[in-house]
C-alpha cells in the first residue's frame, strides 16, 4: 500500500497515520495528534504548532513549515520550545520565532515529513 494512499478517506495519508499512530484502515480524528495555536508570551503573540509522533516513527524527520503566500514554504525560523516523551509518543512544540504584529502577520503553517 502506498505511503500516500488514503484507504479510509479521512484525508490523512498512510504515512501521517503511521507518524501520528492512527489506524489507516479506519477514519481517524487527528485533532488529538496536533494543534496550531496563537500563544501569548508577555505582551507578544506567537504562532505555535505541537504534534505527536509515535516512538516507532522517530527515524522519520517531521518539521513544521510556514508560508506567507501558500506558494513558497520554509522550515526555518522555528524554535523547538518543548520536546517530551510520554512512553508512547514524542510530543514536540515549535514556535515561529517572530511575534505576530501588524507588520509581521500570521503565516500559514503545515507539517512536512521526509518520506524515505
Protein backbone atom coordinates (compact mmCIF):
# COMPACT_ATOMS: atom_id res chain seq x y z
CA UNK A 1 0.00 0.00 0.00
CA UNK A 2 1.31 3.43 -0.93
CA UNK A 3 2.55 5.83 1.75
CA UNK A 4 0.37 8.47 0.11
CA UNK A 5 -2.79 6.35 -0.16
CA UNK A 6 -5.80 7.15 1.99
CA UNK A 7 -7.95 3.98 2.03
CA UNK A 8 -10.21 5.22 4.84
CA UNK A 9 -10.82 8.58 3.04
CA UNK A 10 -10.16 10.70 6.15
CA UNK A 11 -7.76 12.97 4.18
CA UNK A 12 -4.76 11.73 6.21
CA UNK A 13 -2.25 9.82 4.05
CA UNK A 14 -0.97 6.48 5.36
CA UNK A 15 2.44 7.98 6.10
CA UNK A 16 0.97 10.53 8.52
CA UNK A 17 -1.29 7.84 10.02
CA UNK A 18 1.97 5.99 10.81
CA UNK A 19 3.61 9.14 12.22
CA UNK A 20 0.60 10.05 14.38
CA UNK A 21 -0.17 6.45 15.44
CA UNK A 22 -3.66 6.30 13.96
CA UNK A 23 -5.26 3.40 12.06
CA UNK A 24 -5.04 3.83 8.26
CA UNK A 25 -7.95 1.43 7.75
CA UNK A 26 -10.38 3.44 9.92
CA UNK A 27 -11.28 7.10 9.54
CA UNK A 28 -9.37 9.00 12.20
CA UNK A 29 -9.95 12.20 14.03
CA UNK A 30 -6.49 13.70 14.13
CA UNK A 31 -7.40 16.65 16.35
CA UNK A 32 -5.63 14.85 19.21
CA UNK A 33 -2.47 14.45 17.10
CA UNK A 34 -1.56 18.09 16.58
CA UNK A 35 -2.59 21.62 17.41
CA UNK A 36 -1.88 25.05 15.97
CA UNK A 37 -2.45 27.98 18.28
CA UNK A 38 -1.51 31.58 18.91
CA UNK A 39 0.15 31.85 22.31
CA UNK A 40 0.75 34.93 24.39
CA UNK A 41 4.14 35.47 25.99
CA UNK A 42 4.10 38.71 27.95
CA UNK A 43 2.72 41.35 25.61
CA UNK A 44 3.67 39.38 22.49
CA UNK A 45 1.74 36.76 20.49
CA UNK A 46 3.33 33.87 18.59
CA UNK A 47 2.21 31.17 16.18
CA UNK A 48 2.87 27.73 17.66
CA UNK A 49 2.43 24.13 16.48
CA UNK A 50 2.53 20.94 18.57
CA UNK A 51 2.32 17.41 17.20
CA UNK A 52 2.84 13.87 18.34
CA UNK A 53 5.00 11.23 16.71
CA UNK A 54 4.98 7.52 17.55
CA UNK A 55 8.22 6.26 19.04
CA UNK A 56 8.48 3.72 16.18
CA UNK A 57 8.49 6.58 13.63
CA UNK A 58 11.23 8.71 15.22
CA UNK A 59 13.63 7.92 12.38
CA UNK A 60 11.31 9.99 10.14
CA UNK A 61 12.00 13.72 10.13
CA UNK A 62 8.83 15.74 10.72
CA UNK A 63 9.01 19.54 10.84
CA UNK A 64 6.63 22.48 10.64
CA UNK A 65 6.84 24.75 7.60
CA UNK A 66 5.45 28.25 7.12
CA UNK A 67 4.41 30.38 4.18
CA UNK A 68 3.07 33.87 3.59
CA UNK A 69 1.64 33.09 0.15
CA UNK A 70 0.94 29.31 0.09
CA UNK A 71 3.45 29.02 -2.77
CA UNK A 72 6.82 29.09 -1.06
CA UNK A 73 7.41 27.19 2.19
CA UNK A 74 10.26 27.19 4.69
CA UNK A 75 11.10 25.20 7.82
CA UNK A 76 13.44 27.94 9.01
CA UNK A 77 12.60 30.42 11.76
CA UNK A 78 11.03 27.91 14.17
CA UNK A 79 12.21 27.35 17.71
CA UNK A 80 11.70 24.00 19.41
CA UNK A 81 10.10 25.04 22.71
CA UNK A 82 9.05 21.66 24.11
CA UNK A 83 10.10 18.06 23.46
CA UNK A 84 8.57 15.38 25.69
CA UNK A 85 8.20 11.61 25.58
CA UNK A 86 5.21 10.03 27.35
CA UNK A 87 6.30 6.44 26.64
CA UNK A 88 4.02 6.10 23.60
CA UNK A 89 4.52 9.36 21.73
CA UNK A 90 7.11 12.05 21.40
CA UNK A 91 5.40 15.44 21.56
CA UNK A 92 7.15 18.43 20.00
CA UNK A 93 6.15 22.07 20.11
CA UNK A 94 7.60 24.59 17.68
CA UNK A 95 7.11 28.35 17.87
CA UNK A 96 7.61 30.73 14.97
CA UNK A 97 10.46 32.97 16.14
CA UNK A 98 8.95 36.36 15.29
CA UNK A 99 5.91 37.65 17.18
CA UNK A 100 2.69 38.43 15.36
CA UNK A 101 2.47 42.17 14.67
CA UNK A 102 0.74 44.38 12.13
CA UNK A 103 3.95 44.35 10.06
CA UNK A 104 4.56 40.61 10.59
CA UNK A 105 1.18 38.94 10.09
CA UNK A 106 0.36 35.34 10.90
CA UNK A 107 1.75 32.85 8.46
CA UNK A 108 0.22 29.68 7.05
CA UNK A 109 1.64 26.61 8.76
CA UNK A 110 1.75 22.91 7.92
CA UNK A 111 3.71 19.76 8.71
CA UNK A 112 6.16 18.14 6.35
CA UNK A 113 7.71 14.72 6.71
CA UNK A 114 10.63 13.29 4.80
CA UNK A 115 9.48 10.10 3.14
CA UNK A 116 12.24 7.56 2.51
